[in-house]
N, C-alpha and C. Protein backbone atom coordinates (compact mmCIF):
# COMPACT_ATOMS: atom_id res chain seq x y z
N MET A 1 70.49 23.32 193.84
CA MET A 1 71.17 24.40 193.21
C MET A 1 70.34 24.94 192.05
N THR A 2 69.80 24.06 191.27
CA THR A 2 68.94 24.49 190.16
C THR A 2 67.68 25.16 190.66
N SER A 3 67.22 24.77 191.77
CA SER A 3 66.01 25.40 192.29
C SER A 3 66.31 26.83 192.74
N LYS A 4 67.51 27.11 193.24
CA LYS A 4 67.88 28.47 193.62
C LYS A 4 67.95 29.37 192.40
N LYS A 5 68.51 28.83 191.31
CA LYS A 5 68.59 29.64 190.09
C LYS A 5 67.21 29.91 189.54
N GLN A 6 66.34 28.95 189.59
CA GLN A 6 64.97 29.15 189.11
C GLN A 6 64.23 30.16 189.99
N THR A 7 64.50 30.13 191.28
CA THR A 7 63.87 31.09 192.18
C THR A 7 64.36 32.51 191.87
N GLU A 8 65.67 32.64 191.61
CA GLU A 8 66.22 33.96 191.26
C GLU A 8 65.64 34.43 189.94
N LYS A 9 65.47 33.54 188.98
CA LYS A 9 64.88 33.92 187.69
C LYS A 9 63.45 34.34 187.89
N LYS A 10 62.72 33.66 188.75
CA LYS A 10 61.34 34.03 189.01
C LYS A 10 61.26 35.38 189.70
N LYS A 11 62.24 35.68 190.57
CA LYS A 11 62.25 36.99 191.22
C LYS A 11 62.56 38.09 190.21
N MET A 12 63.43 37.84 189.29
CA MET A 12 63.80 38.84 188.30
C MET A 12 62.75 38.96 187.22
N ASN A 13 62.03 37.93 186.98
CA ASN A 13 61.04 37.95 185.91
C ASN A 13 59.97 39.02 186.10
N PRO A 14 59.41 39.25 187.29
CA PRO A 14 58.41 40.30 187.41
C PRO A 14 58.99 41.69 187.08
N ILE A 15 60.25 41.95 187.46
CA ILE A 15 60.86 43.24 187.14
C ILE A 15 61.07 43.37 185.65
N LEU A 16 61.63 42.33 185.04
CA LEU A 16 61.83 42.36 183.59
C LEU A 16 60.48 42.41 182.86
N TRP A 17 59.52 41.67 183.35
CA TRP A 17 58.20 41.68 182.73
C TRP A 17 57.61 43.10 182.77
N PHE A 18 57.71 43.76 183.92
CA PHE A 18 57.19 45.12 184.06
C PHE A 18 57.91 46.07 183.10
N LEU A 19 59.24 45.92 183.02
CA LEU A 19 60.03 46.78 182.15
C LEU A 19 59.68 46.57 180.68
N PHE A 20 59.67 45.34 180.22
CA PHE A 20 59.42 45.06 178.80
C PHE A 20 57.95 45.13 178.43
N ALA A 21 57.06 44.88 179.36
CA ALA A 21 55.63 44.85 179.03
C ALA A 21 54.98 46.22 179.19
N ILE A 22 55.47 47.07 180.08
CA ILE A 22 54.78 48.33 180.35
C ILE A 22 55.65 49.55 180.02
N VAL A 23 56.84 49.64 180.60
CA VAL A 23 57.65 50.86 180.50
C VAL A 23 58.13 51.10 179.07
N ILE A 24 58.78 50.13 178.47
CA ILE A 24 59.33 50.31 177.12
C ILE A 24 58.22 50.55 176.10
N PRO A 25 57.12 49.80 176.11
CA PRO A 25 56.05 50.11 175.15
C PRO A 25 55.47 51.51 175.35
N LEU A 26 55.33 51.97 176.61
CA LEU A 26 54.83 53.33 176.85
C LEU A 26 55.78 54.39 176.27
N ILE A 27 57.06 54.17 176.42
CA ILE A 27 58.03 55.11 175.86
C ILE A 27 57.94 55.13 174.34
N ILE A 28 57.86 53.97 173.72
CA ILE A 28 57.78 53.89 172.26
C ILE A 28 56.50 54.54 171.76
N VAL A 29 55.37 54.27 172.41
CA VAL A 29 54.08 54.86 172.00
C VAL A 29 54.13 56.38 172.17
N SER A 30 54.74 56.87 173.26
CA SER A 30 54.85 58.32 173.48
C SER A 30 55.67 58.98 172.38
N ILE A 31 56.74 58.33 171.99
CA ILE A 31 57.59 58.88 170.91
C ILE A 31 56.83 58.91 169.60
N ILE A 32 56.11 57.85 169.30
CA ILE A 32 55.34 57.78 168.04
C ILE A 32 54.26 58.86 168.03
N ILE A 33 53.57 59.02 169.15
CA ILE A 33 52.51 60.05 169.24
C ILE A 33 53.12 61.45 169.09
N ALA A 34 54.28 61.68 169.72
CA ALA A 34 54.93 62.99 169.62
C ALA A 34 55.33 63.30 168.18
N VAL A 35 55.85 62.29 167.48
CA VAL A 35 56.25 62.49 166.08
C VAL A 35 55.04 62.78 165.22
N ILE A 36 53.96 62.03 165.41
CA ILE A 36 52.74 62.24 164.61
C ILE A 36 52.16 63.62 164.88
N LEU A 37 52.11 64.02 166.14
CA LEU A 37 51.57 65.35 166.47
C LEU A 37 52.46 66.46 165.92
N SER A 38 53.77 66.27 165.94
CA SER A 38 54.68 67.28 165.40
C SER A 38 54.47 67.46 163.90
N PHE A 39 54.29 66.33 163.18
CA PHE A 39 54.05 66.42 161.73
C PHE A 39 52.69 67.03 161.42
N SER A 40 51.74 66.87 162.31
CA SER A 40 50.41 67.43 162.06
C SER A 40 50.33 68.91 162.44
N GLY A 41 51.41 69.48 162.99
CA GLY A 41 51.45 70.92 163.27
C GLY A 41 51.19 71.26 164.73
N PHE A 42 51.04 70.30 165.57
CA PHE A 42 50.79 70.55 166.99
C PHE A 42 52.14 70.75 167.69
N ASN A 43 52.28 71.87 168.44
CA ASN A 43 53.53 72.18 169.13
C ASN A 43 53.49 71.54 170.52
N ILE A 44 54.21 70.46 170.67
CA ILE A 44 54.18 69.67 171.90
C ILE A 44 54.88 70.41 173.05
N VAL A 45 55.98 71.08 172.75
CA VAL A 45 56.75 71.75 173.80
C VAL A 45 55.91 72.85 174.46
N ASP A 46 55.23 73.66 173.63
CA ASP A 46 54.38 74.72 174.19
C ASP A 46 53.22 74.12 175.00
N TRP A 47 52.65 73.04 174.49
CA TRP A 47 51.54 72.40 175.20
C TRP A 47 52.00 71.87 176.55
N VAL A 48 53.21 71.27 176.59
CA VAL A 48 53.74 70.74 177.84
C VAL A 48 53.99 71.89 178.82
N LYS A 49 54.55 73.01 178.33
CA LYS A 49 54.80 74.16 179.20
C LYS A 49 53.50 74.74 179.74
N LYS A 50 52.51 74.84 178.85
CA LYS A 50 51.23 75.42 179.26
C LYS A 50 50.54 74.52 180.28
N THR A 51 50.53 73.24 180.02
CA THR A 51 49.89 72.30 180.94
C THR A 51 50.68 72.23 182.25
N GLY A 52 52.01 72.23 182.14
CA GLY A 52 52.85 72.17 183.34
C GLY A 52 52.72 73.41 184.21
N SER A 53 52.52 74.58 183.58
CA SER A 53 52.39 75.81 184.37
C SER A 53 51.07 75.86 185.13
N ASN A 54 50.07 75.09 184.70
CA ASN A 54 48.79 75.03 185.40
C ASN A 54 48.75 73.94 186.46
N THR A 55 49.72 73.06 186.45
CA THR A 55 49.77 71.99 187.42
C THR A 55 50.52 72.50 188.66
N PRO A 56 49.93 72.33 189.86
CA PRO A 56 50.51 72.95 191.05
C PRO A 56 51.98 72.65 191.32
N VAL A 57 52.41 71.43 191.31
CA VAL A 57 53.79 71.09 191.67
C VAL A 57 54.74 71.35 190.51
N ILE A 58 54.31 71.02 189.32
CA ILE A 58 55.16 71.13 188.14
C ILE A 58 55.34 72.58 187.71
N SER A 59 54.39 73.46 188.06
CA SER A 59 54.45 74.86 187.61
C SER A 59 55.73 75.56 188.09
N HIS A 60 56.28 75.14 189.22
CA HIS A 60 57.52 75.74 189.71
C HIS A 60 58.73 75.29 188.90
N LEU A 61 58.63 74.17 188.22
CA LEU A 61 59.75 73.65 187.44
C LEU A 61 59.75 74.17 186.01
N VAL A 62 58.59 74.59 185.50
CA VAL A 62 58.46 75.02 184.11
C VAL A 62 58.43 76.54 184.07
N THR A 63 59.26 77.14 183.20
CA THR A 63 59.26 78.60 183.05
C THR A 63 58.54 78.96 181.76
N SER A 64 57.82 80.07 181.81
CA SER A 64 57.10 80.52 180.61
C SER A 64 58.05 81.34 179.74
N GLN A 65 57.60 81.61 178.54
CA GLN A 65 58.40 82.38 177.59
C GLN A 65 58.60 83.81 178.11
N GLU A 66 57.55 84.37 178.73
CA GLU A 66 57.65 85.72 179.26
C GLU A 66 58.69 85.78 180.38
N GLU A 67 58.70 84.76 181.24
CA GLU A 67 59.69 84.73 182.31
C GLU A 67 61.10 84.62 181.75
N ASP A 68 61.27 83.84 180.68
CA ASP A 68 62.58 83.72 180.04
C ASP A 68 63.02 85.07 179.48
N GLN A 69 62.08 85.78 178.83
CA GLN A 69 62.42 87.09 178.25
C GLN A 69 62.76 88.09 179.35
N LEU A 70 61.99 88.06 180.44
CA LEU A 70 62.28 88.97 181.55
C LEU A 70 63.63 88.67 182.19
N ALA A 71 63.95 87.39 182.30
CA ALA A 71 65.25 87.01 182.87
C ALA A 71 66.39 87.48 181.97
N GLU A 72 66.22 87.35 180.65
CA GLU A 72 67.25 87.81 179.71
C GLU A 72 67.40 89.33 179.79
N GLU A 73 66.27 90.04 179.86
CA GLU A 73 66.30 91.51 179.95
C GLU A 73 66.97 91.95 181.25
N LEU A 74 66.67 91.26 182.33
CA LEU A 74 67.29 91.58 183.61
C LEU A 74 68.80 91.37 183.56
N GLU A 75 69.22 90.29 182.94
CA GLU A 75 70.65 89.99 182.81
C GLU A 75 71.34 91.07 181.96
N ARG A 76 70.70 91.47 180.87
CA ARG A 76 71.25 92.51 180.01
C ARG A 76 71.39 93.83 180.75
N LEU A 77 70.34 94.19 181.52
CA LEU A 77 70.38 95.44 182.28
C LEU A 77 71.45 95.41 183.38
N ASN A 78 71.62 94.25 184.00
CA ASN A 78 72.66 94.12 185.03
C ASN A 78 74.06 94.29 184.43
N GLN A 79 74.27 93.73 183.24
CA GLN A 79 75.56 93.88 182.58
C GLN A 79 75.80 95.33 182.19
N GLU A 80 74.75 96.00 181.69
CA GLU A 80 74.87 97.41 181.31
C GLU A 80 75.17 98.26 182.54
N LEU A 81 74.50 97.97 183.65
CA LEU A 81 74.74 98.71 184.89
C LEU A 81 76.18 98.52 185.36
N GLN A 82 76.67 97.30 185.26
CA GLN A 82 78.04 97.02 185.67
C GLN A 82 79.04 97.78 184.80
N SER A 83 78.81 97.82 183.48
CA SER A 83 79.73 98.55 182.61
C SER A 83 79.66 100.05 182.87
N ARG A 84 78.46 100.57 183.16
CA ARG A 84 78.34 102.00 183.48
C ARG A 84 79.06 102.32 184.79
N ASN A 85 78.97 101.42 185.77
CA ASN A 85 79.67 101.64 187.04
C ASN A 85 81.19 101.65 186.83
N GLU A 86 81.67 100.77 185.96
CA GLU A 86 83.11 100.74 185.67
C GLU A 86 83.54 102.04 184.99
N GLU A 87 82.71 102.54 184.04
CA GLU A 87 83.02 103.81 183.38
C GLU A 87 83.05 104.95 184.40
N LEU A 88 82.08 104.93 185.32
CA LEU A 88 82.01 105.97 186.34
C LEU A 88 83.26 105.95 187.22
N ASP A 89 83.71 104.76 187.59
CA ASP A 89 84.92 104.64 188.40
C ASP A 89 86.13 105.20 187.65
N GLN A 90 86.22 104.89 186.35
CA GLN A 90 87.34 105.40 185.56
C GLN A 90 87.29 106.93 185.46
N LEU A 91 86.09 107.49 185.26
CA LEU A 91 85.96 108.94 185.17
C LEU A 91 86.29 109.61 186.50
N ASN A 92 85.88 108.99 187.61
CA ASN A 92 86.22 109.55 188.92
C ASN A 92 87.73 109.55 189.14
N THR A 93 88.40 108.49 188.73
CA THR A 93 89.85 108.42 188.86
C THR A 93 90.52 109.50 188.01
N LEU A 94 90.04 109.65 186.77
CA LEU A 94 90.58 110.68 185.88
C LEU A 94 90.35 112.06 186.46
N ASN A 95 89.16 112.29 187.01
CA ASN A 95 88.84 113.58 187.61
C ASN A 95 89.78 113.88 188.79
N THR A 96 90.02 112.89 189.62
CA THR A 96 90.93 113.07 190.75
C THR A 96 92.34 113.42 190.27
N ASN A 97 92.81 112.72 189.23
CA ASN A 97 94.14 113.00 188.69
C ASN A 97 94.22 114.42 188.13
N LEU A 98 93.17 114.83 187.42
CA LEU A 98 93.16 116.18 186.84
C LEU A 98 93.13 117.24 187.93
N GLU A 99 92.37 117.00 188.99
CA GLU A 99 92.34 117.97 190.10
C GLU A 99 93.71 118.10 190.75
N ALA A 100 94.41 116.98 190.89
CA ALA A 100 95.75 117.02 191.47
C ALA A 100 96.70 117.81 190.57
N THR A 101 96.58 117.62 189.26
CA THR A 101 97.42 118.35 188.30
C THR A 101 97.13 119.84 188.37
N ILE A 102 95.86 120.20 188.47
CA ILE A 102 95.47 121.61 188.57
C ILE A 102 96.07 122.23 189.82
N GLU A 103 95.99 121.53 190.93
CA GLU A 103 96.56 122.05 192.17
C GLU A 103 98.07 122.26 192.04
N GLU A 104 98.76 121.31 191.40
CA GLU A 104 100.20 121.45 191.21
C GLU A 104 100.51 122.67 190.36
N LEU A 105 99.75 122.85 189.28
CA LEU A 105 99.99 123.99 188.39
C LEU A 105 99.68 125.31 189.08
N GLU A 106 98.62 125.34 189.87
CA GLU A 106 98.30 126.56 190.60
C GLU A 106 99.37 126.89 191.63
N THR A 107 99.93 125.87 192.26
CA THR A 107 101.03 126.07 193.21
C THR A 107 102.25 126.64 192.48
N GLU A 108 102.55 126.07 191.32
CA GLU A 108 103.68 126.55 190.52
C GLU A 108 103.45 128.00 190.09
N LEU A 109 102.22 128.32 189.70
CA LEU A 109 101.90 129.68 189.30
C LEU A 109 102.06 130.65 190.47
N THR A 110 101.60 130.22 191.64
CA THR A 110 101.75 131.06 192.83
C THR A 110 103.22 131.31 193.13
N LYS A 111 104.05 130.28 192.99
CA LYS A 111 105.48 130.45 193.21
C LYS A 111 106.07 131.44 192.21
N GLN A 112 105.66 131.28 190.95
CA GLN A 112 106.18 132.18 189.91
C GLN A 112 105.73 133.62 190.16
N GLU A 113 104.47 133.78 190.56
CA GLU A 113 103.98 135.13 190.85
C GLU A 113 104.72 135.73 192.05
N ALA A 114 105.00 134.92 193.04
CA ALA A 114 105.77 135.39 194.20
C ALA A 114 107.17 135.80 193.78
N THR A 115 107.76 135.03 192.88
CA THR A 115 109.10 135.37 192.39
C THR A 115 109.06 136.70 191.65
N ILE A 116 108.06 136.87 190.81
CA ILE A 116 107.94 138.13 190.06
C ILE A 116 107.75 139.30 191.01
N SER A 117 106.85 139.17 191.96
CA SER A 117 106.60 140.28 192.89
C SER A 117 107.82 140.57 193.77
N ARG A 118 108.58 139.51 194.12
CA ARG A 118 109.79 139.71 194.91
C ARG A 118 110.81 140.52 194.11
N TYR A 119 110.97 140.19 192.83
CA TYR A 119 111.91 140.93 192.00
C TYR A 119 111.43 142.36 191.78
N GLU A 120 110.12 142.53 191.69
CA GLU A 120 109.60 143.89 191.50
C GLU A 120 109.78 144.74 192.75
N SER A 121 109.66 144.10 193.92
CA SER A 121 109.75 144.86 195.17
C SER A 121 111.19 145.23 195.55
N GLU A 122 112.16 144.53 194.99
CA GLU A 122 113.56 144.84 195.30
C GLU A 122 113.98 146.07 194.51
N ASN A 123 114.15 147.18 195.21
CA ASN A 123 114.51 148.45 194.56
C ASN A 123 115.99 148.73 194.60
N HIS A 124 116.73 147.99 195.37
CA HIS A 124 118.15 148.28 195.50
C HIS A 124 118.95 147.82 194.28
N VAL A 125 118.32 147.05 193.38
CA VAL A 125 119.02 146.58 192.19
C VAL A 125 118.94 147.67 191.13
N ASP A 126 120.04 147.91 190.44
CA ASP A 126 120.03 148.95 189.41
C ASP A 126 119.13 148.55 188.25
N GLY A 127 118.80 149.47 187.39
CA GLY A 127 117.81 149.28 186.32
C GLY A 127 118.15 148.17 185.36
N ASP A 128 119.42 148.07 184.93
CA ASP A 128 119.78 147.06 183.93
C ASP A 128 119.69 145.65 184.50
N SER A 129 120.23 145.44 185.69
CA SER A 129 120.18 144.09 186.26
C SER A 129 118.75 143.71 186.66
N GLU A 130 117.96 144.70 187.08
CA GLU A 130 116.55 144.42 187.40
C GLU A 130 115.79 144.01 186.15
N GLU A 131 116.10 144.67 185.07
CA GLU A 131 115.44 144.33 183.80
C GLU A 131 115.86 142.94 183.34
N ILE A 132 117.12 142.59 183.52
CA ILE A 132 117.61 141.26 183.13
C ILE A 132 116.94 140.19 183.98
N GLU A 133 116.87 140.43 185.30
CA GLU A 133 116.23 139.45 186.18
C GLU A 133 114.75 139.31 185.85
N SER A 134 114.12 140.42 185.52
CA SER A 134 112.70 140.38 185.16
C SER A 134 112.49 139.57 183.88
N GLU A 135 113.38 139.74 182.93
CA GLU A 135 113.29 138.97 181.68
C GLU A 135 113.51 137.48 181.95
N VAL A 136 114.45 137.16 182.82
CA VAL A 136 114.73 135.75 183.15
C VAL A 136 113.51 135.12 183.82
N SER A 137 112.92 135.84 184.80
CA SER A 137 111.74 135.27 185.45
C SER A 137 110.56 135.19 184.50
N LEU A 138 110.45 136.16 183.58
CA LEU A 138 109.38 136.11 182.59
C LEU A 138 109.56 134.91 181.66
N LYS A 139 110.79 134.64 181.27
CA LYS A 139 111.05 133.49 180.41
C LYS A 139 110.77 132.18 181.16
N ASN A 140 111.12 132.14 182.45
CA ASN A 140 110.83 130.95 183.24
C ASN A 140 109.32 130.73 183.36
N LEU A 141 108.60 131.81 183.58
CA LEU A 141 107.15 131.71 183.68
C LEU A 141 106.55 131.29 182.35
N ALA A 142 107.07 131.85 181.25
CA ALA A 142 106.58 131.48 179.92
C ALA A 142 106.85 130.00 179.65
N LYS A 143 108.01 129.52 180.11
CA LYS A 143 108.35 128.10 179.93
C LYS A 143 107.36 127.22 180.69
N THR A 144 106.97 127.68 181.87
CA THR A 144 105.99 126.92 182.66
C THR A 144 104.66 126.82 181.90
N PHE A 145 104.23 127.94 181.33
CA PHE A 145 102.97 127.92 180.57
C PHE A 145 103.10 127.10 179.30
N GLU A 146 104.28 127.06 178.74
CA GLU A 146 104.50 126.29 177.52
C GLU A 146 104.36 124.80 177.79
N GLU A 147 104.70 124.36 179.00
CA GLU A 147 104.62 122.95 179.35
C GLU A 147 103.20 122.53 179.73
N MET A 148 102.34 123.50 180.00
CA MET A 148 100.95 123.18 180.38
C MET A 148 100.12 122.83 179.15
N LYS A 149 98.98 122.23 179.41
CA LYS A 149 98.00 122.03 178.35
C LYS A 149 97.38 123.39 178.03
N PRO A 150 97.09 123.65 176.75
CA PRO A 150 96.56 124.97 176.37
C PRO A 150 95.30 125.38 177.12
N VAL A 151 94.41 124.43 177.38
CA VAL A 151 93.16 124.76 178.07
C VAL A 151 93.44 125.24 179.50
N ARG A 152 94.33 124.56 180.18
CA ARG A 152 94.64 124.92 181.57
C ARG A 152 95.39 126.25 181.61
N ALA A 153 96.33 126.44 180.67
CA ALA A 153 97.07 127.70 180.61
C ALA A 153 96.12 128.86 180.33
N ALA A 154 95.15 128.64 179.44
CA ALA A 154 94.17 129.70 179.13
C ALA A 154 93.34 130.04 180.36
N ASP A 155 92.97 129.05 181.13
CA ASP A 155 92.19 129.31 182.36
C ASP A 155 92.99 130.17 183.33
N ILE A 156 94.25 129.84 183.50
CA ILE A 156 95.08 130.60 184.45
C ILE A 156 95.31 132.01 183.92
N LEU A 157 95.65 132.15 182.64
CA LEU A 157 95.93 133.46 182.07
C LEU A 157 94.69 134.36 182.09
N SER A 158 93.53 133.77 182.02
CA SER A 158 92.29 134.55 182.04
C SER A 158 92.11 135.28 183.36
N ASN A 159 92.77 134.83 184.40
CA ASN A 159 92.67 135.46 185.72
C ASN A 159 93.75 136.52 185.96
N MET A 160 94.62 136.72 184.98
CA MET A 160 95.69 137.70 185.11
C MET A 160 95.33 138.97 184.36
N THR A 161 96.10 140.04 184.58
CA THR A 161 95.84 141.29 183.86
C THR A 161 96.24 141.12 182.40
N GLN A 162 95.65 141.95 181.58
CA GLN A 162 95.89 141.84 180.14
C GLN A 162 97.36 142.13 179.80
N GLU A 163 97.98 143.04 180.50
CA GLU A 163 99.37 143.38 180.25
C GLU A 163 100.28 142.18 180.58
N GLU A 164 99.99 141.51 181.70
CA GLU A 164 100.78 140.35 182.08
C GLU A 164 100.63 139.23 181.06
N VAL A 165 99.39 139.05 180.60
CA VAL A 165 99.12 137.99 179.61
C VAL A 165 99.89 138.26 178.34
N ILE A 166 99.89 139.52 177.90
CA ILE A 166 100.59 139.89 176.66
C ILE A 166 102.08 139.64 176.80
N LEU A 167 102.66 140.03 177.94
CA LEU A 167 104.10 139.81 178.17
C LEU A 167 104.44 138.32 178.11
N ILE A 168 103.61 137.51 178.73
CA ILE A 168 103.88 136.06 178.74
C ILE A 168 103.69 135.47 177.35
N LEU A 169 102.63 135.85 176.66
CA LEU A 169 102.35 135.28 175.33
C LEU A 169 103.43 135.66 174.32
N LYS A 170 104.02 136.82 174.48
CA LYS A 170 105.09 137.23 173.55
C LYS A 170 106.31 136.33 173.69
N GLU A 171 106.49 135.73 174.84
CA GLU A 171 107.64 134.86 175.08
C GLU A 171 107.42 133.43 174.56
N LEU A 172 106.18 133.09 174.22
CA LEU A 172 105.85 131.73 173.80
C LEU A 172 106.03 131.56 172.29
N SER A 173 106.18 130.29 171.87
CA SER A 173 106.26 130.02 170.43
C SER A 173 104.87 130.20 169.81
N ASP A 174 104.85 130.34 168.49
CA ASP A 174 103.59 130.60 167.79
C ASP A 174 102.57 129.49 168.00
N ASP A 175 103.01 128.23 167.97
CA ASP A 175 102.08 127.10 168.14
C ASP A 175 101.44 127.11 169.51
N VAL A 176 102.27 127.31 170.53
CA VAL A 176 101.74 127.30 171.91
C VAL A 176 100.82 128.49 172.11
N ARG A 177 101.25 129.67 171.62
CA ARG A 177 100.43 130.88 171.75
C ARG A 177 99.08 130.67 171.07
N GLY A 178 99.11 130.09 169.88
CA GLY A 178 97.85 129.84 169.15
C GLY A 178 96.93 128.90 169.90
N GLY A 179 97.50 127.84 170.49
CA GLY A 179 96.69 126.88 171.27
C GLY A 179 96.04 127.53 172.47
N ILE A 180 96.80 128.40 173.15
CA ILE A 180 96.26 129.07 174.34
C ILE A 180 95.17 130.06 173.95
N LEU A 181 95.43 130.86 172.91
CA LEU A 181 94.41 131.82 172.46
C LEU A 181 93.15 131.11 171.99
N GLU A 182 93.33 129.96 171.36
CA GLU A 182 92.17 129.20 170.90
C GLU A 182 91.34 128.69 172.08
N ALA A 183 91.99 128.36 173.18
CA ALA A 183 91.29 127.83 174.34
C ALA A 183 90.63 128.93 175.17
N MET A 184 91.04 130.19 174.95
CA MET A 184 90.46 131.30 175.72
C MET A 184 89.09 131.67 175.20
N ASP A 185 88.41 132.48 176.00
CA ASP A 185 87.16 133.08 175.58
C ASP A 185 87.44 133.92 174.33
N ALA A 186 86.56 133.86 173.35
CA ALA A 186 86.81 134.50 172.06
C ALA A 186 87.01 136.01 172.19
N GLU A 187 86.22 136.65 173.01
CA GLU A 187 86.32 138.10 173.18
C GLU A 187 87.65 138.48 173.83
N LEU A 188 88.02 137.78 174.88
CA LEU A 188 89.28 138.04 175.56
C LEU A 188 90.47 137.79 174.63
N ALA A 189 90.40 136.68 173.87
CA ALA A 189 91.48 136.36 172.94
C ALA A 189 91.61 137.44 171.86
N ALA A 190 90.48 137.95 171.40
CA ALA A 190 90.51 139.01 170.38
C ALA A 190 91.15 140.28 170.95
N ASN A 191 90.79 140.65 172.17
CA ASN A 191 91.38 141.84 172.80
C ASN A 191 92.89 141.69 172.97
N ILE A 192 93.31 140.53 173.41
CA ILE A 192 94.74 140.29 173.63
C ILE A 192 95.49 140.31 172.31
N ALA A 193 94.95 139.67 171.28
CA ALA A 193 95.60 139.65 169.97
C ALA A 193 95.68 141.08 169.41
N SER A 194 94.64 141.86 169.61
CA SER A 194 94.64 143.24 169.13
C SER A 194 95.71 144.05 169.84
N GLU A 195 95.86 143.86 171.15
CA GLU A 195 96.87 144.59 171.91
C GLU A 195 98.28 144.15 171.51
N MET A 196 98.44 142.87 171.18
CA MET A 196 99.75 142.37 170.78
C MET A 196 100.19 142.97 169.45
N LEU A 197 99.23 143.29 168.59
CA LEU A 197 99.56 143.90 167.30
C LEU A 197 100.02 145.35 167.47
N ASN A 198 99.56 146.02 168.50
CA ASN A 198 99.91 147.45 168.69
C ASN A 198 101.29 147.61 169.27
């Protein structure tokens, strides 16, 4: 039994001997050399990277400073591209919504214009009731323009005759009228304001 234990100790002794006699002293000496070189001003990390990049197998494992900077720049550019794509998607969605709103408003305007022309074409109505109906439809049309954004209302009114624009603007409140005139072309707005004063 004692001979088996001695045999096992002898088998383990070469491994322990190798570990304590070679591996641990090499590690300690390497650490001491690294500390001494660091205090003397030698940059060990850069030296290891430079030497490793020239060694065929190790060069694939070691990255240079330039490669690190390029990788960071690439990552930054990818993030910027992603944020720009998100902004573009949001703007496309907004554009689609605005186009739908414009179509709805143009449809409403067409309906209102049809209503006005229908009332104008009906001659069998006497003068007073025709005038009352015309005023009612004008007020309804003015209310429609009042609910619009000033820029959109100005675009639509710019395509109408000056007399029609003046009739509609007279029905609007001062704030709404001012917003629409401000959104119009300056020359057209000046002509309309001048006609409204007369």
